[in-house]
N, C-alpha and C. Protein backbone atom coordinates (compact mmCIF):
# COMPACT_ATOMS: atom_id res chain seq x y z
N UNK A 1 88.20 -8.64 320.08
CA UNK A 1 87.37 -7.71 319.36
C UNK A 1 87.51 -7.99 317.87
N UNK A 2 86.43 -7.82 317.13
CA UNK A 2 86.38 -8.24 315.75
C UNK A 2 85.69 -7.23 314.87
N UNK A 3 86.01 -7.22 313.59
CA UNK A 3 85.32 -6.38 312.62
C UNK A 3 84.64 -7.27 311.59
N UNK A 4 83.37 -6.98 311.34
CA UNK A 4 82.61 -7.72 310.35
C UNK A 4 81.92 -6.72 309.45
N UNK A 5 81.79 -7.00 308.17
CA UNK A 5 81.05 -6.09 307.29
C UNK A 5 80.03 -6.87 306.50
N UNK A 6 79.00 -6.16 306.05
CA UNK A 6 77.93 -6.79 305.30
C UNK A 6 77.44 -5.85 304.23
N UNK A 7 77.13 -6.37 303.05
CA UNK A 7 76.60 -5.53 301.99
C UNK A 7 75.08 -5.55 301.98
N UNK A 8 74.46 -6.41 302.81
CA UNK A 8 73.02 -6.52 302.85
C UNK A 8 72.36 -5.21 303.28
N UNK A 9 72.83 -4.62 304.36
CA UNK A 9 72.24 -3.38 304.87
C UNK A 9 73.29 -2.29 304.95
N UNK A 10 74.29 -2.34 304.10
CA UNK A 10 75.40 -1.40 304.19
C UNK A 10 76.49 -2.00 305.05
N UNK A 11 77.61 -1.36 305.06
CA UNK A 11 78.74 -1.87 305.84
C UNK A 11 78.60 -1.44 307.30
N UNK A 12 78.97 -2.34 308.19
CA UNK A 12 78.96 -1.99 309.60
C UNK A 12 80.16 -2.64 310.26
N UNK A 13 80.57 -2.04 311.36
CA UNK A 13 81.64 -2.64 312.15
C UNK A 13 80.98 -3.25 313.37
N UNK A 14 81.31 -4.47 313.65
CA UNK A 14 80.75 -5.18 314.78
C UNK A 14 81.83 -5.31 315.84
N UNK A 15 81.60 -4.69 316.96
CA UNK A 15 82.56 -4.71 318.06
C UNK A 15 82.14 -5.79 319.04
N UNK A 16 82.88 -6.88 319.08
CA UNK A 16 82.59 -7.97 320.01
C UNK A 16 83.65 -7.93 321.10
N UNK A 17 83.21 -7.80 322.33
CA UNK A 17 84.14 -7.64 323.43
C UNK A 17 84.08 -8.85 324.35
N UNK A 18 85.24 -9.43 324.60
CA UNK A 18 85.35 -10.50 325.58
C UNK A 18 86.08 -9.93 326.79
N UNK A 19 85.90 -10.51 327.92
CA UNK A 19 86.47 -9.99 329.17
C UNK A 19 86.07 -8.52 329.34
N UNK A 20 84.80 -8.25 329.13
CA UNK A 20 84.28 -6.90 329.06
C UNK A 20 84.54 -6.06 330.29
N UNK A 21 84.38 -6.63 331.46
CA UNK A 21 84.53 -5.79 332.65
C UNK A 21 85.96 -5.32 332.85
N UNK A 22 86.90 -5.88 332.11
CA UNK A 22 88.30 -5.47 332.20
C UNK A 22 88.69 -4.48 331.10
N UNK A 23 87.71 -4.08 330.29
CA UNK A 23 87.99 -3.20 329.15
C UNK A 23 87.87 -1.75 329.58
N UNK A 24 88.88 -0.96 329.31
CA UNK A 24 88.92 0.45 329.70
C UNK A 24 88.35 1.33 328.58
N UNK A 25 87.88 2.51 328.98
CA UNK A 25 87.29 3.46 328.03
C UNK A 25 88.26 3.80 326.91
N UNK A 26 89.50 4.06 327.24
CA UNK A 26 90.49 4.42 326.21
C UNK A 26 90.66 3.29 325.20
N UNK A 27 90.62 2.05 325.67
CA UNK A 27 90.75 0.90 324.78
C UNK A 27 89.52 0.79 323.87
N UNK A 28 88.34 1.02 324.42
CA UNK A 28 87.12 0.99 323.60
C UNK A 28 87.15 2.07 322.53
N UNK A 29 87.54 3.29 322.93
CA UNK A 29 87.62 4.40 321.97
C UNK A 29 88.61 4.05 320.86
N UNK A 30 89.76 3.56 321.21
CA UNK A 30 90.78 3.22 320.22
C UNK A 30 90.29 2.13 319.28
N UNK A 31 89.57 1.17 319.80
CA UNK A 31 89.06 0.08 318.96
C UNK A 31 88.00 0.58 317.99
N UNK A 32 87.08 1.43 318.47
CA UNK A 32 86.07 2.00 317.58
C UNK A 32 86.74 2.83 316.49
N UNK A 33 87.72 3.63 316.86
CA UNK A 33 88.45 4.44 315.88
C UNK A 33 89.14 3.56 314.84
N UNK A 34 89.68 2.43 315.28
CA UNK A 34 90.35 1.50 314.37
C UNK A 34 89.35 0.84 313.41
N UNK A 35 88.19 0.47 313.93
CA UNK A 35 87.17 -0.19 313.12
C UNK A 35 86.47 0.74 312.15
N UNK A 36 86.27 1.98 312.56
CA UNK A 36 85.49 2.92 311.76
C UNK A 36 86.27 3.36 310.53
N UNK A 37 85.53 3.65 309.48
CA UNK A 37 86.14 4.14 308.25
C UNK A 37 85.04 4.64 307.33
N UNK A 38 85.44 5.16 306.19
CA UNK A 38 84.47 5.67 305.22
C UNK A 38 83.55 4.57 304.70
N UNK A 39 84.00 3.32 304.76
CA UNK A 39 83.20 2.20 304.28
C UNK A 39 82.27 1.63 305.34
N UNK A 40 82.25 2.23 306.52
CA UNK A 40 81.44 1.74 307.63
C UNK A 40 80.27 2.69 307.86
N UNK A 41 79.05 2.14 307.84
CA UNK A 41 77.85 2.94 308.07
C UNK A 41 77.47 3.04 309.55
N UNK A 42 77.85 2.05 310.34
CA UNK A 42 77.50 2.02 311.76
C UNK A 42 78.46 1.11 312.50
N UNK A 43 78.62 1.37 313.80
CA UNK A 43 79.40 0.51 314.68
C UNK A 43 78.42 -0.03 315.72
N UNK A 44 78.40 -1.34 315.89
CA UNK A 44 77.47 -1.99 316.81
C UNK A 44 78.27 -2.82 317.80
N UNK A 45 78.12 -2.53 319.07
CA UNK A 45 78.82 -3.29 320.12
C UNK A 45 77.92 -4.43 320.57
N UNK A 46 78.46 -5.63 320.61
CA UNK A 46 77.71 -6.80 321.02
C UNK A 46 78.42 -7.43 322.22
N UNK A 47 77.65 -7.82 323.20
CA UNK A 47 78.21 -8.41 324.42
C UNK A 47 77.75 -7.60 325.61
N UNK A 48 77.57 -8.26 326.73
CA UNK A 48 77.06 -7.58 327.92
C UNK A 48 78.19 -7.34 328.92
N UNK A 49 77.83 -6.76 330.05
CA UNK A 49 78.79 -6.47 331.12
C UNK A 49 79.86 -5.48 330.67
N UNK A 50 79.41 -4.50 329.87
CA UNK A 50 80.33 -3.50 329.36
C UNK A 50 79.66 -2.13 329.44
N UNK A 51 80.29 -1.19 330.12
CA UNK A 51 79.77 0.17 330.21
C UNK A 51 80.22 0.95 328.98
N UNK A 52 79.45 0.85 327.90
CA UNK A 52 79.82 1.48 326.63
C UNK A 52 78.80 2.53 326.18
N UNK A 53 77.64 2.58 326.80
CA UNK A 53 76.55 3.45 326.36
C UNK A 53 76.92 4.92 326.28
N UNK A 54 77.50 5.47 327.32
CA UNK A 54 77.84 6.89 327.33
C UNK A 54 78.93 7.20 326.30
N UNK A 55 79.94 6.35 326.22
CA UNK A 55 81.00 6.56 325.23
C UNK A 55 80.46 6.42 323.82
N UNK A 56 79.60 5.43 323.60
CA UNK A 56 79.01 5.24 322.27
C UNK A 56 78.24 6.49 321.85
N UNK A 57 77.46 7.07 322.75
CA UNK A 57 76.70 8.28 322.44
C UNK A 57 77.64 9.44 322.10
N UNK A 58 78.70 9.58 322.87
CA UNK A 58 79.66 10.66 322.62
C UNK A 58 80.36 10.48 321.27
N UNK A 59 80.78 9.25 320.98
CA UNK A 59 81.47 8.99 319.71
C UNK A 59 80.51 9.09 318.52
N UNK A 60 79.25 8.74 318.73
CA UNK A 60 78.25 8.88 317.68
C UNK A 60 78.12 10.36 317.28
N UNK A 61 78.08 11.24 318.27
CA UNK A 61 78.00 12.68 317.99
C UNK A 61 79.26 13.18 317.29
N UNK A 62 80.40 12.69 317.71
CA UNK A 62 81.67 13.10 317.10
C UNK A 62 81.80 12.61 315.66
N UNK A 63 81.40 11.38 315.40
CA UNK A 63 81.63 10.75 314.10
C UNK A 63 80.45 10.87 313.15
N UNK A 64 79.33 11.37 313.64
CA UNK A 64 78.14 11.60 312.79
C UNK A 64 77.65 10.33 312.11
N UNK A 65 77.68 9.22 312.87
CA UNK A 65 77.13 7.95 312.37
C UNK A 65 76.71 7.13 313.57
N UNK A 66 75.79 6.19 313.38
CA UNK A 66 75.33 5.39 314.52
C UNK A 66 76.46 4.56 315.14
N UNK A 67 76.59 4.69 316.43
CA UNK A 67 77.48 3.84 317.23
C UNK A 67 76.60 3.35 318.37
N UNK A 68 76.23 2.09 318.32
CA UNK A 68 75.23 1.56 319.22
C UNK A 68 75.81 0.60 320.24
N UNK A 69 75.49 0.85 321.50
CA UNK A 69 75.84 -0.07 322.58
C UNK A 69 74.66 -1.02 322.78
N UNK A 70 74.94 -2.29 322.96
CA UNK A 70 73.88 -3.29 323.08
C UNK A 70 72.97 -3.01 324.27
N UNK A 71 73.50 -2.56 325.39
CA UNK A 71 72.66 -2.29 326.56
C UNK A 71 71.68 -1.15 326.28
N UNK A 72 72.13 -0.12 325.57
CA UNK A 72 71.24 0.98 325.20
C UNK A 72 70.15 0.49 324.26
N UNK A 73 70.52 -0.35 323.30
CA UNK A 73 69.54 -0.88 322.35
C UNK A 73 68.50 -1.77 323.05
N UNK A 74 68.94 -2.57 323.99
CA UNK A 74 68.01 -3.43 324.74
C UNK A 74 67.07 -2.58 325.58
N UNK A 75 67.56 -1.55 326.22
CA UNK A 75 66.73 -0.65 327.02
C UNK A 75 65.69 0.03 326.14
N UNK A 76 66.13 0.54 324.98
CA UNK A 76 65.21 1.17 324.03
C UNK A 76 64.12 0.18 323.62
N UNK A 77 64.51 -1.03 323.28
CA UNK A 77 63.54 -2.04 322.85
C UNK A 77 62.54 -2.36 323.97
N UNK A 78 63.02 -2.50 325.19
CA UNK A 78 62.13 -2.79 326.33
C UNK A 78 61.12 -1.66 326.53
N UNK A 79 61.58 -0.42 326.44
CA UNK A 79 60.66 0.72 326.58
C UNK A 79 59.58 0.67 325.50
N UNK A 80 59.99 0.55 324.25
CA UNK A 80 59.04 0.57 323.13
C UNK A 80 58.10 -0.63 323.17
N UNK A 81 58.60 -1.79 323.52
CA UNK A 81 57.78 -3.00 323.59
C UNK A 81 56.68 -2.85 324.63
N UNK A 82 56.94 -2.04 325.66
CA UNK A 82 55.96 -1.82 326.72
C UNK A 82 55.17 -0.53 326.55
N UNK A 83 55.22 0.03 325.35
CA UNK A 83 54.42 1.20 325.04
C UNK A 83 54.94 2.50 325.62
N UNK A 84 56.18 2.52 326.04
CA UNK A 84 56.78 3.73 326.60
C UNK A 84 57.57 4.42 325.50
N UNK A 85 57.12 5.60 325.10
CA UNK A 85 57.73 6.30 323.97
C UNK A 85 58.66 7.42 324.41
N UNK A 86 59.04 7.44 325.67
CA UNK A 86 59.90 8.51 326.19
C UNK A 86 61.20 8.59 325.40
N UNK A 87 61.64 9.79 325.16
CA UNK A 87 62.94 10.04 324.56
C UNK A 87 63.91 10.31 325.71
N UNK A 88 65.11 9.77 325.61
CA UNK A 88 66.09 9.89 326.68
C UNK A 88 67.35 10.54 326.12
N UNK A 89 67.61 11.81 326.47
CA UNK A 89 68.81 12.47 325.95
C UNK A 89 70.09 11.97 326.62
N UNK A 90 71.18 12.08 325.88
CA UNK A 90 72.50 11.76 326.43
C UNK A 90 72.95 10.33 326.21
N UNK A 91 72.12 9.50 325.57
CA UNK A 91 72.47 8.10 325.36
C UNK A 91 72.45 7.72 323.88
N UNK A 92 72.61 8.68 323.00
CA UNK A 92 72.69 8.41 321.58
C UNK A 92 71.38 8.60 320.86
N UNK A 93 71.47 8.55 319.53
CA UNK A 93 70.32 8.87 318.69
C UNK A 93 69.17 7.88 318.84
N UNK A 94 69.44 6.63 319.11
CA UNK A 94 68.37 5.65 319.27
C UNK A 94 67.40 6.07 320.37
N UNK A 95 67.91 6.40 321.54
CA UNK A 95 67.04 6.82 322.64
C UNK A 95 66.58 8.27 322.52
N UNK A 96 67.36 9.10 321.88
CA UNK A 96 67.00 10.52 321.76
C UNK A 96 65.93 10.78 320.72
N UNK A 97 65.93 10.01 319.62
CA UNK A 97 65.05 10.32 318.50
C UNK A 97 64.00 9.29 318.16
N UNK A 98 64.17 8.05 318.56
CA UNK A 98 63.27 7.00 318.08
C UNK A 98 62.47 6.34 319.18
């Protein structure tokens, strides 16, 4: 897992997970907490085969900043690309509001 920041669009933490199917919820939560800080505008998880969507939505509500799971973002994109504007509660602000 890695942290990357950028000044182009604000600071963000990039969570890259290897051996994803072996990663536990507590470990993901601890890693997001470690990466997050006042200098971080968003946390973005990259990599597939990881059940992070529900936890990301919960942590986003707790931390009051975007915490995006890649699977949720891909699902949102597929819906919008196909003209489906449905809002989906419980999976974070991307699906709930946009």
